[in-house]
N, C-alpha and C. Protein backbone atom coordinates (compact mmCIF):
# COMPACT_ATOMS: atom_id res chain seq x y z
N UNK A 1 96.86 178.03 195.89
CA UNK A 1 97.74 178.58 194.88
C UNK A 1 98.49 179.76 195.49
N UNK A 2 99.78 179.79 195.29
CA UNK A 2 100.60 180.81 195.93
C UNK A 2 100.30 182.20 195.37
N UNK A 3 100.20 182.30 194.05
CA UNK A 3 100.01 183.60 193.42
C UNK A 3 98.59 183.74 192.90
N UNK A 4 97.61 183.37 193.70
CA UNK A 4 96.22 183.42 193.29
C UNK A 4 95.73 184.82 192.97
N UNK A 5 96.27 185.81 193.66
CA UNK A 5 95.83 187.20 193.42
C UNK A 5 96.35 187.76 192.11
N UNK A 6 97.32 187.08 191.50
CA UNK A 6 97.85 187.53 190.20
C UNK A 6 96.74 187.57 189.16
N UNK A 7 95.81 186.61 189.25
CA UNK A 7 94.76 186.53 188.24
C UNK A 7 93.70 187.62 188.41
N UNK A 8 93.80 188.42 189.48
CA UNK A 8 92.94 189.59 189.60
C UNK A 8 93.47 190.73 188.74
N UNK A 9 94.76 190.68 188.41
CA UNK A 9 95.39 191.72 187.60
C UNK A 9 95.49 191.29 186.15
N UNK A 10 95.88 190.03 185.93
CA UNK A 10 96.06 189.50 184.58
C UNK A 10 95.06 188.38 184.38
N UNK A 11 94.28 188.46 183.30
CA UNK A 11 93.33 187.40 183.01
C UNK A 11 94.06 186.12 182.65
N UNK A 12 93.56 184.96 183.09
CA UNK A 12 94.21 183.69 182.74
C UNK A 12 94.26 183.44 181.23
N UNK A 13 93.31 183.97 180.49
CA UNK A 13 93.31 183.78 179.04
C UNK A 13 94.46 184.53 178.37
N UNK A 14 95.03 185.49 179.08
CA UNK A 14 96.19 186.22 178.57
C UNK A 14 97.47 185.73 179.24
N UNK A 15 97.42 185.52 180.55
CA UNK A 15 98.63 185.19 181.31
C UNK A 15 99.18 183.82 181.01
N UNK A 16 98.32 182.81 180.89
CA UNK A 16 98.81 181.45 180.65
C UNK A 16 99.47 181.32 179.28
N UNK A 17 98.84 181.77 178.19
CA UNK A 17 99.54 181.70 176.90
C UNK A 17 100.82 182.54 176.87
N UNK A 18 100.81 183.66 177.56
CA UNK A 18 102.00 184.51 177.61
C UNK A 18 103.14 183.79 178.34
N UNK A 19 102.83 183.12 179.44
CA UNK A 19 103.83 182.36 180.19
C UNK A 19 104.36 181.20 179.36
N UNK A 20 103.48 180.44 178.74
CA UNK A 20 103.92 179.31 177.92
C UNK A 20 104.73 179.76 176.71
N UNK A 21 104.37 180.88 176.14
CA UNK A 21 105.15 181.43 175.02
C UNK A 21 106.54 181.83 175.47
N UNK A 22 106.64 182.44 176.65
CA UNK A 22 107.96 182.84 177.17
C UNK A 22 108.84 181.62 177.43
N UNK A 23 108.26 180.54 177.93
CA UNK A 23 109.02 179.31 178.17
C UNK A 23 109.50 178.73 176.84
N UNK A 24 108.62 178.70 175.84
CA UNK A 24 108.99 178.15 174.53
C UNK A 24 110.08 178.99 173.87
N UNK A 25 109.97 180.29 173.94
CA UNK A 25 110.97 181.18 173.33
C UNK A 25 112.31 181.04 174.04
N UNK A 26 112.28 180.95 175.36
CA UNK A 26 113.52 180.76 176.12
C UNK A 26 114.20 179.44 175.78
N UNK A 27 113.43 178.38 175.68
CA UNK A 27 113.98 177.07 175.32
C UNK A 27 114.58 177.10 173.92
N UNK A 28 113.87 177.71 172.99
CA UNK A 28 114.38 177.83 171.62
C UNK A 28 115.68 178.62 171.59
N UNK A 29 115.76 179.69 172.37
CA UNK A 29 116.96 180.51 172.41
C UNK A 29 118.15 179.73 172.96
N UNK A 30 117.92 178.90 173.97
CA UNK A 30 119.01 178.08 174.52
C UNK A 30 119.50 177.08 173.48
N UNK A 31 118.58 176.44 172.77
CA UNK A 31 118.98 175.47 171.75
C UNK A 31 119.73 176.14 170.60
N UNK A 32 119.30 177.30 170.18
CA UNK A 32 120.01 178.02 169.12
C UNK A 32 121.41 178.40 169.58
N UNK A 33 121.53 178.84 170.82
CA UNK A 33 122.85 179.20 171.36
C UNK A 33 123.77 177.99 171.39
N UNK A 34 123.25 176.82 171.77
CA UNK A 34 124.07 175.62 171.78
C UNK A 34 124.52 175.24 170.37
N UNK A 35 123.63 175.34 169.42
CA UNK A 35 123.99 174.96 168.05
C UNK A 35 124.97 175.92 167.41
N UNK A 36 124.90 177.19 167.74
CA UNK A 36 125.77 178.17 167.10
C UNK A 36 127.11 178.33 167.80
N UNK A 37 127.18 177.99 169.09
CA UNK A 37 128.42 178.23 169.85
C UNK A 37 129.24 176.98 170.13
N UNK A 38 128.79 175.83 169.68
CA UNK A 38 129.55 174.61 169.90
C UNK A 38 129.75 173.90 168.56
N UNK A 39 130.76 173.06 168.52
CA UNK A 39 131.00 172.30 167.29
C UNK A 39 130.54 170.86 167.43
N UNK A 40 130.50 170.33 168.64
CA UNK A 40 130.19 168.91 168.82
C UNK A 40 128.70 168.61 168.79
N UNK A 41 127.84 169.59 169.10
CA UNK A 41 126.40 169.32 169.14
C UNK A 41 125.87 168.99 167.75
N UNK A 42 126.31 169.73 166.74
CA UNK A 42 125.86 169.46 165.37
C UNK A 42 126.27 168.06 164.94
N UNK A 43 127.50 167.68 165.25
CA UNK A 43 127.96 166.34 164.88
C UNK A 43 127.18 165.28 165.65
N UNK A 44 126.90 165.52 166.90
CA UNK A 44 126.16 164.56 167.72
C UNK A 44 124.74 164.38 167.17
N UNK A 45 124.08 165.48 166.84
CA UNK A 45 122.71 165.39 166.35
C UNK A 45 122.64 164.75 164.97
N UNK A 46 123.71 164.83 164.20
CA UNK A 46 123.75 164.19 162.89
C UNK A 46 124.21 162.74 162.98
N UNK A 47 124.52 162.25 164.16
CA UNK A 47 124.87 160.85 164.35
C UNK A 47 126.31 160.52 164.06
N UNK A 48 127.15 161.52 163.98
CA UNK A 48 128.57 161.25 163.71
C UNK A 48 129.30 160.91 165.00
N UNK A 49 130.39 160.18 164.84
CA UNK A 49 131.20 159.77 165.98
C UNK A 49 131.83 161.00 166.63
N UNK A 50 131.72 161.08 167.92
CA UNK A 50 132.32 162.18 168.66
C UNK A 50 133.61 161.66 169.27
N UNK A 51 134.68 162.43 169.13
CA UNK A 51 135.97 162.02 169.68
C UNK A 51 135.89 161.94 171.20
N UNK A 52 136.42 160.88 171.75
CA UNK A 52 136.40 160.67 173.19
C UNK A 52 137.80 160.92 173.72
N UNK A 53 137.88 161.76 174.71
CA UNK A 53 139.18 162.05 175.32
C UNK A 53 139.59 160.87 176.19
N UNK A 54 140.85 160.48 176.08
CA UNK A 54 141.34 159.38 176.91
C UNK A 54 142.21 159.95 178.02
N UNK A 55 142.16 159.29 179.14
CA UNK A 55 142.96 159.70 180.29
C UNK A 55 143.91 158.57 180.61
N UNK A 56 145.20 158.87 180.69
CA UNK A 56 146.18 157.85 181.04
C UNK A 56 146.01 157.46 182.50
N UNK A 57 146.22 156.18 182.77
CA UNK A 57 146.12 155.71 184.14
C UNK A 57 147.28 156.29 184.94
N UNK A 58 147.02 156.69 186.17
CA UNK A 58 148.10 157.25 186.98
C UNK A 58 149.14 156.18 187.29
N UNK A 59 150.37 156.61 187.48
CA UNK A 59 151.46 155.68 187.81
C UNK A 59 151.20 155.10 189.19
N UNK A 60 151.61 153.85 189.40
CA UNK A 60 151.39 153.26 190.73
C UNK A 60 152.20 154.02 191.78
N UNK A 61 151.67 154.02 192.97
CA UNK A 61 152.33 154.73 194.06
C UNK A 61 153.67 154.07 194.39
N UNK A 62 154.63 154.88 194.71
CA UNK A 62 155.97 154.35 195.06
C UNK A 62 155.92 153.68 196.43
N UNK A 63 156.72 152.65 196.57
CA UNK A 63 156.80 151.95 197.84
C UNK A 63 157.46 152.86 198.87
N UNK A 64 157.05 152.75 200.13
CA UNK A 64 157.65 153.61 201.15
C UNK A 64 159.15 153.26 201.30
N UNK A 65 159.93 154.26 201.55
CA UNK A 65 161.37 154.07 201.70
C UNK A 65 161.68 153.32 202.99
N UNK A 66 162.64 152.39 202.92
CA UNK A 66 163.03 151.63 204.11
C UNK A 66 164.04 152.44 204.90
N UNK A 67 163.98 152.32 206.21
CA UNK A 67 164.90 153.11 207.06
C UNK A 67 166.00 152.27 207.55
């Protein structure tokens, strides 16, 4: 284990739940930020059709000029 000496300072019964709680809170914060700062995520999660952007095909390349 790379950080084996960490458990000499912090008991595993405190450190592991603290680490897992920090991961859960961080994940929740990211999801809340996505839901509050975007408009398409709410529609996607509710199963509504999301508008798809279309891209026009590029024009064919011009033939080389004859000399």
